[in-house]
Amino acid sequence: MKTINFSEKLNKFKERWSPHQIAVVDDMQVLLVKIKDEFVWHMHEDEDELFQVIKGTLIMRFRDSEQIVKQGELIVVPKGVEHCPTTKNGEEVHILLFEKLTTKHTGNVTAELTKTQYPKI
């Protein structure tokens, strides 16, 4: 057992939209990701996703609304809800994700940004 420092882990990579696994809790994984601009519209049929903003402001778009998630806040996207994480004004946002080990990166779609494995750091 040892502590995990988010800043140290975030300094180990530069890629955006590429989650990095920092821990596993039972059948859940804890990921860090840097994002900028818009991701892809997608959903996860069987898994919820937790997004906690470490730095910046996340805009979580839904088909009928959007939620602004600021630094120090989190949002849970329920399974089966189509969503599109995005940022504004070219801001890089740092996020902690908490999701099942079986969760696919882009859920029900395959896109250029889709990752099949997450690096462990």
PDB file of N, CA and C in Angstrom:
ATOM      1  N   MET A   1       0.834  -1.186   0.000  1.00  0.00           N
ATOM      2  CA  MET A   1       0.000   0.000   0.000  1.00  0.00           C
ATOM      3  C   MET A   1       0.874   1.244   0.000  1.00  0.00           C
ATOM      4  N   LYS A   2       0.519   2.180  -0.837  1.00  0.00           N
ATOM      5  CA  LYS A   2       1.217   3.464  -0.842  1.00  0.00           C
ATOM      6  C   LYS A   2       0.291   4.529  -1.382  1.00  0.00           C
ATOM      7  N   THR A   3       0.594   5.752  -1.058  1.00  0.00           N
ATOM      8  CA  THR A   3      -0.235   6.860  -1.527  1.00  0.00           C
ATOM      9  C   THR A   3       0.007   7.096  -3.017  1.00  0.00           C
ATOM     10  N   ILE A   4      -0.973   7.702  -3.647  1.00  0.00           N
ATOM     11  CA  ILE A   4      -0.889   8.033  -5.066  1.00  0.00           C
ATOM     12  C   ILE A   4      -1.061   9.545  -5.193  1.00  0.00           C
ATOM     13  N   ASN A   5      -0.092  10.181  -5.818  1.00  0.00           N
ATOM     14  CA  ASN A   5      -0.120  11.629  -6.000  1.00  0.00           C
ATOM     15  C   ASN A   5      -0.589  11.924  -7.425  1.00  0.00           C
ATOM     16  N   PHE A   6      -1.738  12.573  -7.544  1.00  0.00           N
ATOM     17  CA  PHE A   6      -2.295  12.852  -8.868  1.00  0.00           C
ATOM     18  C   PHE A   6      -1.351  13.676  -9.736  1.00  0.00           C
ATOM     19  N   SER A   7      -0.753  14.710  -9.174  1.00  0.00           N
ATOM     20  CA  SER A   7       0.138  15.576  -9.954  1.00  0.00           C
ATOM     21  C   SER A   7       1.322  14.798 -10.509  1.00  0.00           C
ATOM     22  N   GLU A   8       1.931  13.955  -9.689  1.00  0.00           N
ATOM     23  CA  GLU A   8       3.066  13.139 -10.162  1.00  0.00           C
ATOM     24  C   GLU A   8       2.638  12.232 -11.300  1.00  0.00           C
ATOM     25  N   LYS A   9       1.489  11.599 -11.164  1.00  0.00           N
ATOM     26  CA  LYS A   9       1.011  10.685 -12.206  1.00  0.00           C
ATOM     27  C   LYS A   9       0.669  11.449 -13.486  1.00  0.00           C
ATOM     28  N   LEU A  10       0.011  12.590 -13.360  1.00  0.00           N
ATOM     29  CA  LEU A  10      -0.343  13.380 -14.544  1.00  0.00           C
ATOM     30  C   LEU A  10       0.887  13.889 -15.281  1.00  0.00           C
ATOM     31  N   ASN A  11       1.975  14.123 -14.569  1.00  0.00           N
ATOM     32  CA  ASN A  11       3.215  14.576 -15.201  1.00  0.00           C
ATOM     33  C   ASN A  11       3.905  13.481 -16.000  1.00  0.00           C
ATOM     34  N   LYS A  12       3.461  12.242 -15.875  1.00  0.00           N
ATOM     35  CA  LYS A  12       4.096  11.115 -16.576  1.00  0.00           C
ATOM     36  C   LYS A  12       3.584  10.921 -18.002  1.00  0.00           C
ATOM     37  N   PHE A  13       2.540  11.659 -18.389  1.00  0.00           N
ATOM     38  CA  PHE A  13       2.039  11.503 -19.755  1.00  0.00           C
ATOM     39  C   PHE A  13       1.497  12.834 -20.284  1.00  0.00           C
ATOM     40  N   LYS A  14       1.467  12.943 -21.617  1.00  0.00           N
ATOM     41  CA  LYS A  14       0.989  14.154 -22.273  1.00  0.00           C
ATOM     42  C   LYS A  14      -0.242  13.906 -23.140  1.00  0.00           C
ATOM     43  N   GLU A  15      -0.475  12.645 -23.517  1.00  0.00           N
ATOM     44  CA  GLU A  15      -1.563  12.325 -24.434  1.00  0.00           C
ATOM     45  C   GLU A  15      -2.904  12.758 -23.868  1.00  0.00           C
ATOM     46  N   ARG A  16      -3.770  13.189 -24.768  1.00  0.00           N
ATOM     47  CA  ARG A  16      -5.129  13.550 -24.370  1.00  0.00           C
ATOM     48  C   ARG A  16      -6.080  12.448 -24.804  1.00  0.00           C
ATOM     49  N   TRP A  17      -7.159  12.306 -24.062  1.00  0.00           N
ATOM     50  CA  TRP A  17      -8.189  11.303 -24.323  1.00  0.00           C
ATOM     51  C   TRP A  17      -7.637   9.888 -24.218  1.00  0.00           C
ATOM     52  N   SER A  18      -6.573   9.709 -23.457  1.00  0.00           N
ATOM     53  CA  SER A  18      -5.947   8.404 -23.269  1.00  0.00           C
ATOM     54  C   SER A  18      -5.834   8.117 -21.772  1.00  0.00           C
ATOM     55  N   PRO A  19      -6.863   7.488 -21.189  1.00  0.00           N
ATOM     56  CA  PRO A  19      -6.837   7.226 -19.744  1.00  0.00           C
ATOM     57  C   PRO A  19      -5.659   6.347 -19.341  1.00  0.00           C
ATOM     58  N   HIS A  20      -5.118   6.625 -18.152  1.00  0.00           N
ATOM     59  CA  HIS A  20      -4.035   5.848 -17.567  1.00  0.00           C
ATOM     60  C   HIS A  20      -4.508   5.305 -16.225  1.00  0.00           C
ATOM     61  N   GLN A  21      -4.359   4.023 -16.037  1.00  0.00           N
ATOM     62  CA  GLN A  21      -4.826   3.381 -14.815  1.00  0.00           C
ATOM     63  C   GLN A  21      -3.837   3.616 -13.678  1.00  0.00           C
ATOM     64  N   ILE A  22      -4.357   4.116 -12.550  1.00  0.00           N
ATOM     65  CA  ILE A  22      -3.496   4.369 -11.392  1.00  0.00           C
ATOM     66  C   ILE A  22      -3.814   3.451 -10.210  1.00  0.00           C
ATOM     67  N   ALA A  23      -4.974   2.770 -10.266  1.00  0.00           N
ATOM     68  CA  ALA A  23      -5.334   1.862  -9.180  1.00  0.00           C
ATOM     69  C   ALA A  23      -6.505   0.990  -9.613  1.00  0.00           C
ATOM     70  N   VAL A  24      -6.671  -0.128  -8.887  1.00  0.00           N
ATOM     71  CA  VAL A  24      -7.822  -1.012  -9.059  1.00  0.00           C
ATOM     72  C   VAL A  24      -8.431  -1.224  -7.683  1.00  0.00           C
ATOM     73  N   VAL A  25      -9.742  -1.089  -7.608  1.00  0.00           N
ATOM     74  CA  VAL A  25     -10.488  -1.308  -6.371  1.00  0.00           C
ATOM     75  C   VAL A  25     -11.544  -2.360  -6.683  1.00  0.00           C
ATOM     76  N   ASP A  26     -11.344  -3.583  -6.195  1.00  0.00           N
ATOM     77  CA  ASP A  26     -12.210  -4.705  -6.551  1.00  0.00           C
ATOM     78  C   ASP A  26     -12.314  -4.797  -8.066  1.00  0.00           C
ATOM     79  N   ASP A  27     -13.506  -4.697  -8.622  1.00  0.00           N
ATOM     80  CA  ASP A  27     -13.656  -4.794 -10.081  1.00  0.00           C
ATOM     81  C   ASP A  27     -13.786  -3.420 -10.741  1.00  0.00           C
ATOM     82  N   MET A  28     -13.297  -2.388 -10.043  1.00  0.00           N
ATOM     83  CA  MET A  28     -13.347  -1.021 -10.540  1.00  0.00           C
ATOM     84  C   MET A  28     -11.929  -0.509 -10.787  1.00  0.00           C
ATOM     85  N   GLN A  29     -11.788   0.358 -11.760  1.00  0.00           N
ATOM     86  CA  GLN A  29     -10.483   0.964 -12.008  1.00  0.00           C
ATOM     87  C   GLN A  29     -10.552   2.468 -11.800  1.00  0.00           C
ATOM     88  N   VAL A  30      -9.415   2.997 -11.353  1.00  0.00           N
ATOM     89  CA  VAL A  30      -9.256   4.434 -11.157  1.00  0.00           C
ATOM     90  C   VAL A  30      -8.302   4.894 -12.247  1.00  0.00           C
ATOM     91  N   LEU A  31      -8.761   5.866 -13.031  1.00  0.00           N
ATOM     92  CA  LEU A  31      -8.001   6.335 -14.189  1.00  0.00           C
ATOM     93  C   LEU A  31      -7.783   7.839 -14.099  1.00  0.00           C
ATOM     94  N   LEU A  32      -6.672   8.282 -14.663  1.00  0.00           N
ATOM     95  CA  LEU A  32      -6.434   9.705 -14.863  1.00  0.00           C
ATOM     96  C   LEU A  32      -6.409   9.958 -16.355  1.00  0.00           C
ATOM     97  N   VAL A  33      -6.978  11.076 -16.773  1.00  0.00           N
ATOM     98  CA  VAL A  33      -7.000  11.414 -18.192  1.00  0.00           C
ATOM     99  C   VAL A  33      -6.904  12.926 -18.345  1.00  0.00           C
ATOM    100  N   LYS A  34      -6.236  13.329 -19.409  1.00  0.00           N
ATOM    101  CA  LYS A  34      -6.191  14.733 -19.816  1.00  0.00           C
ATOM    102  C   LYS A  34      -7.075  14.851 -21.045  1.00  0.00           C
ATOM    103  N   ILE A  35      -7.931  15.878 -21.061  1.00  0.00           N
ATOM    104  CA  ILE A  35      -8.812  16.056 -22.204  1.00  0.00           C
ATOM    105  C   ILE A  35      -8.742  17.493 -22.710  1.00  0.00           C
ATOM    106  N   LYS A  36      -9.089  17.646 -23.980  1.00  0.00           N
ATOM    107  CA  LYS A  36      -9.146  18.973 -24.585  1.00  0.00           C
ATOM    108  C   LYS A  36     -10.063  18.884 -25.789  1.00  0.00           C
ATOM    109  N   ASP A  37     -10.951  19.844 -25.926  1.00  0.00           N
ATOM    110  CA  ASP A  37     -11.920  19.900 -27.014  1.00  0.00           C
ATOM    111  C   ASP A  37     -12.983  18.826 -26.828  1.00  0.00           C
ATOM    112  N   GLU A  38     -13.490  18.258 -27.916  1.00  0.00           N
ATOM    113  CA  GLU A  38     -14.637  17.349 -27.816  1.00  0.00           C
ATOM    114  C   GLU A  38     -14.248  15.902 -28.031  1.00  0.00           C
ATOM    115  N   PHE A  39     -14.863  15.012 -27.257  1.00  0.00           N
ATOM    116  CA  PHE A  39     -14.697  13.567 -27.398  1.00  0.00           C
ATOM    117  C   PHE A  39     -15.728  13.066 -28.405  1.00  0.00           C
ATOM    118  N   VAL A  40     -16.141  11.835 -28.320  1.00  0.00           N
ATOM    119  CA  VAL A  40     -17.157  11.268 -29.208  1.00  0.00           C
ATOM    120  C   VAL A  40     -18.437  11.009 -28.411  1.00  0.00           C
ATOM    121  N   TRP A  41     -19.566  11.142 -29.083  1.00  0.00           N
ATOM    122  CA  TRP A  41     -20.839  10.781 -28.463  1.00  0.00           C
ATOM    123  C   TRP A  41     -20.855   9.268 -28.294  1.00  0.00           C
ATOM    124  N   HIS A  42     -21.196   8.814 -27.094  1.00  0.00           N
ATOM    125  CA  HIS A  42     -21.238   7.379 -26.819  1.00  0.00           C
ATOM    126  C   HIS A  42     -22.029   7.105 -25.542  1.00  0.00           C
ATOM    127  N   MET A  43     -22.254   5.826 -25.276  1.00  0.00           N
ATOM    128  CA  MET A  43     -22.865   5.428 -24.010  1.00  0.00           C
ATOM    129  C   MET A  43     -22.323   4.061 -23.612  1.00  0.00           C
ATOM    130  N   HIS A  44     -22.520   3.737 -22.372  1.00  0.00           N
ATOM    131  CA  HIS A  44     -22.111   2.444 -21.827  1.00  0.00           C
ATOM    132  C   HIS A  44     -23.377   1.736 -21.361  1.00  0.00           C
ATOM    133  N   GLU A  45     -23.715   0.652 -22.029  1.00  0.00           N
ATOM    134  CA  GLU A  45     -24.965  -0.058 -21.754  1.00  0.00           C
ATOM    135  C   GLU A  45     -25.072  -0.555 -20.319  1.00  0.00           C
ATOM    136  N   ASP A  46     -23.956  -1.048 -19.754  1.00  0.00           N
ATOM    137  CA  ASP A  46     -24.014  -1.744 -18.471  1.00  0.00           C
ATOM    138  C   ASP A  46     -23.187  -1.115 -17.363  1.00  0.00           C
ATOM    139  N   GLU A  47     -22.586   0.025 -17.600  1.00  0.00           N
ATOM    140  CA  GLU A  47     -21.706   0.618 -16.597  1.00  0.00           C
ATOM    141  C   GLU A  47     -21.984   2.095 -16.402  1.00  0.00           C
ATOM    142  N   ASP A  48     -21.963   2.510 -15.133  1.00  0.00           N
ATOM    143  CA  ASP A  48     -21.961   3.926 -14.785  1.00  0.00           C
ATOM    144  C   ASP A  48     -20.520   4.422 -14.898  1.00  0.00           C
ATOM    145  N   GLU A  49     -20.343   5.737 -15.039  1.00  0.00           N
ATOM    146  CA  GLU A  49     -19.008   6.338 -15.040  1.00  0.00           C
ATOM    147  C   GLU A  49     -18.992   7.535 -14.102  1.00  0.00           C
ATOM    148  N   LEU A  50     -17.933   7.645 -13.322  1.00  0.00           N
ATOM    149  CA  LEU A  50     -17.745   8.789 -12.441  1.00  0.00           C
ATOM    150  C   LEU A  50     -16.604   9.630 -12.993  1.00  0.00           C
ATOM    151  N   PHE A  51     -16.849  10.921 -13.179  1.00  0.00           N
ATOM    152  CA  PHE A  51     -15.856  11.886 -13.643  1.00  0.00           C
ATOM    153  C   PHE A  51     -15.641  12.902 -12.530  1.00  0.00           C
ATOM    154  N   GLN A  52     -14.422  12.986 -11.994  1.00  0.00           N
ATOM    155  CA  GLN A  52     -14.093  14.016 -11.006  1.00  0.00           C
ATOM    156  C   GLN A  52     -13.072  14.947 -11.632  1.00  0.00           C
ATOM    157  N   VAL A  53     -13.376  16.235 -11.640  1.00  0.00           N
ATOM    158  CA  VAL A  53     -12.484  17.214 -12.255  1.00  0.00           C
ATOM    159  C   VAL A  53     -11.403  17.613 -11.251  1.00  0.00           C
ATOM    160  N   ILE A  54     -10.163  17.380 -11.639  1.00  0.00           N
ATOM    161  CA  ILE A  54      -9.008  17.743 -10.820  1.00  0.00           C
ATOM    162  C   ILE A  54      -8.529  19.140 -11.173  1.00  0.00           C
ATOM    163  N   LYS A  55      -8.576  19.457 -12.479  1.00  0.00           N
ATOM    164  CA  LYS A  55      -8.130  20.769 -12.953  1.00  0.00           C
ATOM    165  C   LYS A  55      -8.988  21.176 -14.141  1.00  0.00           C
ATOM    166  N   GLY A  56      -9.455  22.421 -14.137  1.00  0.00           N
ATOM    167  CA  GLY A  56     -10.207  22.939 -15.267  1.00  0.00           C
ATOM    168  C   GLY A  56     -11.704  22.780 -15.111  1.00  0.00           C
ATOM    169  N   THR A  57     -12.399  22.848 -16.251  1.00  0.00           N
ATOM    170  CA  THR A  57     -13.856  22.746 -16.277  1.00  0.00           C
ATOM    171  C   THR A  57     -14.271  21.781 -17.375  1.00  0.00           C
ATOM    172  N   LEU A  58     -15.034  20.774 -17.001  1.00  0.00           N
ATOM    173  CA  LEU A  58     -15.580  19.789 -17.922  1.00  0.00           C
ATOM    174  C   LEU A  58     -16.996  20.195 -18.287  1.00  0.00           C
ATOM    175  N   ILE A  59     -17.316  20.066 -19.550  1.00  0.00           N
ATOM    176  CA  ILE A  59     -18.702  20.225 -19.989  1.00  0.00           C
ATOM    177  C   ILE A  59     -19.169  18.831 -20.394  1.00  0.00           C
ATOM    178  N   MET A  60     -20.128  18.296 -19.660  1.00  0.00           N
ATOM    179  CA  MET A  60     -20.672  16.985 -19.996  1.00  0.00           C
ATOM    180  C   MET A  60     -21.962  17.219 -20.772  1.00  0.00           C
ATOM    181  N   ARG A  61     -21.906  16.878 -22.052  1.00  0.00           N
ATOM    182  CA  ARG A  61     -23.065  17.089 -22.909  1.00  0.00           C
ATOM    183  C   ARG A  61     -23.941  15.838 -22.928  1.00  0.00           C
ATOM    184  N   PHE A  62     -25.225  16.080 -22.873  1.00  0.00           N
ATOM    185  CA  PHE A  62     -26.235  15.047 -23.041  1.00  0.00           C
ATOM    186  C   PHE A  62     -27.105  15.493 -24.208  1.00  0.00           C
ATOM    187  N   ARG A  63     -27.881  14.618 -24.761  1.00  0.00           N
ATOM    188  CA  ARG A  63     -28.678  14.978 -25.935  1.00  0.00           C
ATOM    189  C   ARG A  63     -29.679  16.095 -25.639  1.00  0.00           C
ATOM    190  N   ASP A  64     -30.122  16.199 -24.387  1.00  0.00           N
ATOM    191  CA  ASP A  64     -31.129  17.202 -24.067  1.00  0.00           C
ATOM    192  C   ASP A  64     -30.650  18.287 -23.108  1.00  0.00           C
ATOM    193  N   SER A  65     -29.368  18.248 -22.731  1.00  0.00           N
ATOM    194  CA  SER A  65     -28.856  19.234 -21.778  1.00  0.00           C
ATOM    195  C   SER A  65     -27.335  19.123 -21.697  1.00  0.00           C
ATOM    196  N   GLU A  66     -26.752  19.962 -20.853  1.00  0.00           N
ATOM    197  CA  GLU A  66     -25.332  19.839 -20.538  1.00  0.00           C
ATOM    198  C   GLU A  66     -25.122  20.267 -19.097  1.00  0.00           C
ATOM    199  N   GLN A  67     -24.094  19.694 -18.485  1.00  0.00           N
ATOM    200  CA  GLN A  67     -23.743  20.022 -17.115  1.00  0.00           C
ATOM    201  C   GLN A  67     -22.315  20.561 -17.102  1.00  0.00           C
ATOM    202  N   ILE A  68     -22.106  21.624 -16.364  1.00  0.00           N
ATOM    203  CA  ILE A  68     -20.777  22.195 -16.174  1.00  0.00           C
ATOM    204  C   ILE A  68     -20.224  21.597 -14.880  1.00  0.00           C
ATOM    205  N   VAL A  69     -19.058  20.964 -14.986  1.00  0.00           N
ATOM    206  CA  VAL A  69     -18.431  20.322 -13.830  1.00  0.00           C
ATOM    207  C   VAL A  69     -17.097  21.023 -13.591  1.00  0.00           C
ATOM    208  N   LYS A  70     -17.009  21.722 -12.473  1.00  0.00           N
ATOM    209  CA  LYS A  70     -15.832  22.536 -12.169  1.00  0.00           C
ATOM    210  C   LYS A  70     -14.823  21.754 -11.334  1.00  0.00           C
ATOM    211  N   GLN A  71     -13.631  22.315 -11.257  1.00  0.00           N
ATOM    212  CA  GLN A  71     -12.563  21.738 -10.445  1.00  0.00           C
ATOM    213  C   GLN A  71     -13.098  21.452  -9.037  1.00  0.00           C
ATOM    214  N   GLY A  72     -12.837  20.234  -8.548  1.00  0.00           N
ATOM    215  CA  GLY A  72     -13.300  19.841  -7.223  1.00  0.00           C
ATOM    216  C   GLY A  72     -14.701  19.254  -7.215  1.00  0.00           C
ATOM    217  N   GLU A  73     -15.335  19.163  -8.385  1.00  0.00           N
ATOM    218  CA  GLU A  73     -16.674  18.590  -8.489  1.00  0.00           C
ATOM    219  C   GLU A  73     -16.618  17.284  -9.273  1.00  0.00           C
ATOM    220  N   LEU A  74     -17.701  16.517  -9.175  1.00  0.00           N
ATOM    221  CA  LEU A  74     -17.792  15.294  -9.957  1.00  0.00           C
ATOM    222  C   LEU A  74     -19.188  15.130 -10.506  1.00  0.00           C
ATOM    223  N   ILE A  75     -19.280  14.260 -11.512  1.00  0.00           N
ATOM    224  CA  ILE A  75     -20.573  13.908 -12.095  1.00  0.00           C
ATOM    225  C   ILE A  75     -20.546  12.409 -12.370  1.00  0.00           C
ATOM    226  N   VAL A  76     -21.684  11.770 -12.133  1.00  0.00           N
ATOM    227  CA  VAL A  76     -21.851  10.361 -12.458  1.00  0.00           C
ATOM    228  C   VAL A  76     -22.783  10.275 -13.652  1.00  0.00           C
ATOM    229  N   VAL A  77     -22.315   9.617 -14.709  1.00  0.00           N
ATOM    230  CA  VAL A  77     -23.141   9.384 -15.885  1.00  0.00           C
ATOM    231  C   VAL A  77     -23.702   7.967 -15.755  1.00  0.00           C
ATOM    232  N   PRO A  78     -25.020   7.845 -15.610  1.00  0.00           N
ATOM    233  CA  PRO A  78     -25.616   6.516 -15.451  1.00  0.00           C
ATOM    234  C   PRO A  78     -25.497   5.670 -16.716  1.00  0.00           C
ATOM    235  N   LYS A  79     -25.455   4.368 -16.526  1.00  0.00           N
ATOM    236  CA  LYS A  79     -25.419   3.460 -17.674  1.00  0.00           C
ATOM    237  C   LYS A  79     -26.592   3.734 -18.603  1.00  0.00           C
ATOM    238  N   GLY A  80     -26.330   3.575 -19.892  1.00  0.00           N
ATOM    239  CA  GLY A  80     -27.373   3.766 -20.882  1.00  0.00           C
ATOM    240  C   GLY A  80     -27.642   5.203 -21.279  1.00  0.00           C
ATOM    241  N   VAL A  81     -26.897   6.168 -20.711  1.00  0.00           N
ATOM    242  CA  VAL A  81     -27.110   7.582 -21.041  1.00  0.00           C
ATOM    243  C   VAL A  81     -26.036   8.042 -22.031  1.00  0.00           C
ATOM    244  N   GLU A  82     -26.472   8.492 -23.198  1.00  0.00           N
ATOM    245  CA  GLU A  82     -25.535   8.978 -24.206  1.00  0.00           C
ATOM    246  C   GLU A  82     -24.939  10.306 -23.739  1.00  0.00           C
ATOM    247  N   HIS A  83     -23.625  10.424 -23.889  1.00  0.00           N
ATOM    248  CA  HIS A  83     -22.945  11.620 -23.410  1.00  0.00           C
ATOM    249  C   HIS A  83     -21.721  11.915 -24.264  1.00  0.00           C
ATOM    250  N   CYS A  84     -21.236  13.154 -24.123  1.00  0.00           N
ATOM    251  CA  CYS A  84     -20.052  13.590 -24.867  1.00  0.00           C
ATOM    252  C   CYS A  84     -19.273  14.567 -23.998  1.00  0.00           C
ATOM    253  N   PRO A  85     -18.179  14.101 -23.368  1.00  0.00           N
ATOM    254  CA  PRO A  85     -17.351  15.017 -22.587  1.00  0.00           C
ATOM    255  C   PRO A  85     -16.654  16.017 -23.505  1.00  0.00           C
ATOM    256  N   THR A  86     -16.548  17.248 -23.053  1.00  0.00           N
ATOM    257  CA  THR A  86     -15.895  18.271 -23.864  1.00  0.00           C
ATOM    258  C   THR A  86     -15.325  19.362 -22.962  1.00  0.00           C
ATOM    259  N   THR A  87     -14.502  20.207 -23.553  1.00  0.00           N
ATOM    260  CA  THR A  87     -13.967  21.377 -22.856  1.00  0.00           C
ATOM    261  C   THR A  87     -14.258  22.584 -23.731  1.00  0.00           C
ATOM    262  N   LYS A  88     -13.912  23.756 -23.244  1.00  0.00           N
ATOM    263  CA  LYS A  88     -14.135  24.939 -24.076  1.00  0.00           C
ATOM    264  C   LYS A  88     -12.882  25.795 -24.103  1.00  0.00           C
ATOM    265  N   ASN A  89     -12.804  26.621 -25.135  1.00  0.00           N
ATOM    266  CA  ASN A  89     -11.714  27.592 -25.288  1.00  0.00           C
ATOM    267  C   ASN A  89     -10.330  26.962 -25.274  1.00  0.00           C
ATOM    268  N   GLY A  90     -10.213  25.723 -25.755  1.00  0.00           N
ATOM    269  CA  GLY A  90      -8.905  25.080 -25.840  1.00  0.00           C
ATOM    270  C   GLY A  90      -8.279  24.721 -24.512  1.00  0.00           C
ATOM    271  N   GLU A  91      -9.071  24.703 -23.457  1.00  0.00           N
ATOM    272  CA  GLU A  91      -8.561  24.397 -22.118  1.00  0.00           C
ATOM    273  C   GLU A  91      -8.277  22.900 -21.980  1.00  0.00           C
ATOM    274  N   GLU A  92      -7.123  22.562 -21.402  1.00  0.00           N
ATOM    275  CA  GLU A  92      -6.844  21.178 -21.047  1.00  0.00           C
ATOM    276  C   GLU A  92      -7.414  20.926 -19.652  1.00  0.00           C
ATOM    277  N   VAL A  93      -8.170  19.847 -19.524  1.00  0.00           N
ATOM    278  CA  VAL A  93      -8.828  19.501 -18.271  1.00  0.00           C
ATOM    279  C   VAL A  93      -8.291  18.154 -17.794  1.00  0.00           C
ATOM    280  N   HIS A  94      -8.043  18.045 -16.492  1.00  0.00           N
ATOM    281  CA  HIS A  94      -7.554  16.804 -15.899  1.00  0.00           C
ATOM    282  C   HIS A  94      -8.684  16.171 -15.102  1.00  0.00           C
ATOM    283  N   ILE A  95      -8.902  14.878 -15.348  1.00  0.00           N
ATOM    284  CA  ILE A  95     -10.050  14.190 -14.765  1.00  0.00           C
ATOM    285  C   ILE A  95      -9.620  12.859 -14.158  1.00  0.00           C
ATOM    286  N   LEU A  96     -10.245  12.529 -13.027  1.00  0.00           N
ATOM    287  CA  LEU A  96     -10.141  11.211 -12.441  1.00  0.00           C
ATOM    288  C   LEU A  96     -11.423  10.475 -12.813  1.00  0.00           C
ATOM    289  N   LEU A  97     -11.273   9.285 -13.367  1.00  0.00           N
ATOM    290  CA  LEU A  97     -12.416   8.449 -13.747  1.00  0.00           C
ATOM    291  C   LEU A  97     -12.478   7.247 -12.830  1.00  0.00           C
ATOM    292  N   PHE A  98     -13.674   6.823 -12.497  1.00  0.00           N
ATOM    293  CA  PHE A  98     -13.874   5.625 -11.700  1.00  0.00           C
ATOM    294  C   PHE A  98     -14.913   4.795 -12.435  1.00  0.00           C
ATOM    295  N   GLU A  99     -14.502   3.616 -12.914  1.00  0.00           N
ATOM    296  CA  GLU A  99     -15.403   2.797 -13.709  1.00  0.00           C
ATOM    297  C   GLU A  99     -15.016   1.327 -13.621  1.00  0.00           C
ATOM    298  N   LYS A 100     -15.919   0.456 -14.029  1.00  0.00           N
ATOM    299  CA  LYS A 100     -15.654  -0.979 -14.004  1.00  0.00           C
ATOM    300  C   LYS A 100     -14.496  -1.325 -14.937  1.00  0.00           C
ATOM    301  N   LEU A 101     -13.802  -2.393 -14.609  1.00  0.00           N
ATOM    302  CA  LEU A 101     -12.706  -2.857 -15.456  1.00  0.00           C
ATOM    303  C   LEU A 101     -13.192  -3.229 -16.850  1.00  0.00           C
ATOM    304  N   THR A 102     -14.452  -3.584 -16.981  1.00  0.00           N
ATOM    305  CA  THR A 102     -15.001  -4.010 -18.273  1.00  0.00           C
ATOM    306  C   THR A 102     -15.478  -2.852 -19.147  1.00  0.00           C
ATOM    307  N   THR A 103     -15.441  -1.635 -18.626  1.00  0.00           N
ATOM    308  CA  THR A 103     -15.941  -0.481 -19.376  1.00  0.00           C
ATOM    309  C   THR A 103     -15.069  -0.210 -20.594  1.00  0.00           C
ATOM    310  N   LYS A 104     -15.700  -0.124 -21.758  1.00  0.00           N
ATOM    311  CA  LYS A 104     -14.978   0.193 -22.992  1.00  0.00           C
ATOM    312  C   LYS A 104     -14.831   1.702 -23.101  1.00  0.00           C
ATOM    313  N   HIS A 105     -13.684   2.135 -23.573  1.00  0.00           N
ATOM    314  CA  HIS A 105     -13.325   3.545 -23.647  1.00  0.00           C
ATOM    315  C   HIS A 105     -14.400   4.403 -24.306  1.00  0.00           C
ATOM    316  N   THR A 106     -14.848   3.996 -25.477  1.00  0.00           N
ATOM    317  CA  THR A 106     -15.863   4.771 -26.193  1.00  0.00           C
ATOM    318  C   THR A 106     -17.194   4.017 -26.239  1.00  0.00           C
ATOM    319  N   GLY A 107     -17.413   3.171 -25.258  1.00  0.00           N
ATOM    320  CA  GLY A 107     -18.701   2.503 -25.096  1.00  0.00           C
ATOM    321  C   GLY A 107     -19.190   1.783 -26.326  1.00  0.00           C
ATOM    322  N   ASN A 108     -20.337   2.208 -26.829  1.00  0.00           N
ATOM    323  CA  ASN A 108     -21.019   1.520 -27.922  1.00  0.00           C
ATOM    324  C   ASN A 108     -20.550   1.937 -29.315  1.00  0.00           C
ATOM    325  N   VAL A 109     -19.507   2.762 -29.408  1.00  0.00           N
ATOM    326  CA  VAL A 109     -18.991   3.183 -30.721  1.00  0.00           C
ATOM    327  C   VAL A 109     -17.487   2.923 -30.799  1.00  0.00           C
ATOM    328  N   THR A 110     -17.017   2.776 -32.009  1.00  0.00           N
ATOM    329  CA  THR A 110     -15.583   2.703 -32.254  1.00  0.00           C
ATOM    330  C   THR A 110     -15.213   3.935 -33.054  1.00  0.00           C
ATOM    331  N   ALA A 111     -14.195   4.644 -32.586  1.00  0.00           N
ATOM    332  CA  ALA A 111     -13.789   5.895 -33.224  1.00  0.00           C
ATOM    333  C   ALA A 111     -12.269   5.984 -33.232  1.00  0.00           C
ATOM    334  N   GLU A 112     -11.769   6.996 -33.876  1.00  0.00           N
ATOM    335  CA  GLU A 112     -10.323   7.207 -33.935  1.00  0.00           C
ATOM    336  C   GLU A 112      -9.709   7.310 -32.537  1.00  0.00           C
ATOM    337  N   LEU A 113     -10.438   7.854 -31.590  1.00  0.00           N
ATOM    338  CA  LEU A 113      -9.929   8.031 -30.230  1.00  0.00           C
ATOM    339  C   LEU A 113     -10.060   6.782 -29.353  1.00  0.00           C
ATOM    340  N   THR A 114     -10.709   5.735 -29.840  1.00  0.00           N
ATOM    341  CA  THR A 114     -10.943   4.534 -29.035  1.00  0.00           C
ATOM    342  C   THR A 114      -9.625   3.875 -28.612  1.00  0.00           C
ATOM    343  N   LYS A 115      -9.528   3.564 -27.337  1.00  0.00           N
ATOM    344  CA  LYS A 115      -8.377   2.839 -26.772  1.00  0.00           C
ATOM    345  C   LYS A 115      -8.871   1.474 -26.331  1.00  0.00           C
ATOM    346  N   THR A 116      -8.085   0.438 -26.603  1.00  0.00           N
ATOM    347  CA  THR A 116      -8.472  -0.914 -26.195  1.00  0.00           C
ATOM    348  C   THR A 116      -7.784  -1.322 -24.891  1.00  0.00           C
ATOM    349  N   GLN A 117      -6.708  -0.650 -24.542  1.00  0.00           N
ATOM    350  CA  GLN A 117      -6.007  -0.923 -23.288  1.00  0.00           C
ATOM    351  C   GLN A 117      -5.577   0.407 -22.684  1.00  0.00           C
ATOM    352  N   TYR A 118      -5.530   0.417 -21.352  1.00  0.00           N
ATOM    353  CA  TYR A 118      -5.085   1.613 -20.656  1.00  0.00           C
ATOM    354  C   TYR A 118      -3.715   1.358 -20.049  1.00  0.00           C
ATOM    355  N   PRO A 119      -2.742   2.230 -20.303  1.00  0.00           N
ATOM    356  CA  PRO A 119      -1.443   2.077 -19.667  1.00  0.00           C
ATOM    357  C   PRO A 119      -1.572   2.211 -18.146  1.00  0.00           C
ATOM    358  N   LYS A 120      -0.766   1.455 -17.424  1.00  0.00           N
ATOM    359  CA  LYS A 120      -0.733   1.561 -15.966  1.00  0.00           C
ATOM    360  C   LYS A 120       0.460   2.426 -15.589  1.00  0.00           C
ATOM    361  N   ILE A 121       0.204   3.417 -14.740  1.00  0.00           N
ATOM    362  CA  ILE A 121       1.295   4.279 -14.298  1.00  0.00           C
ATOM    363  C   ILE A 121       1.318   4.352 -12.786  1.00  0.00           C
TER     364      ILE A 121
END
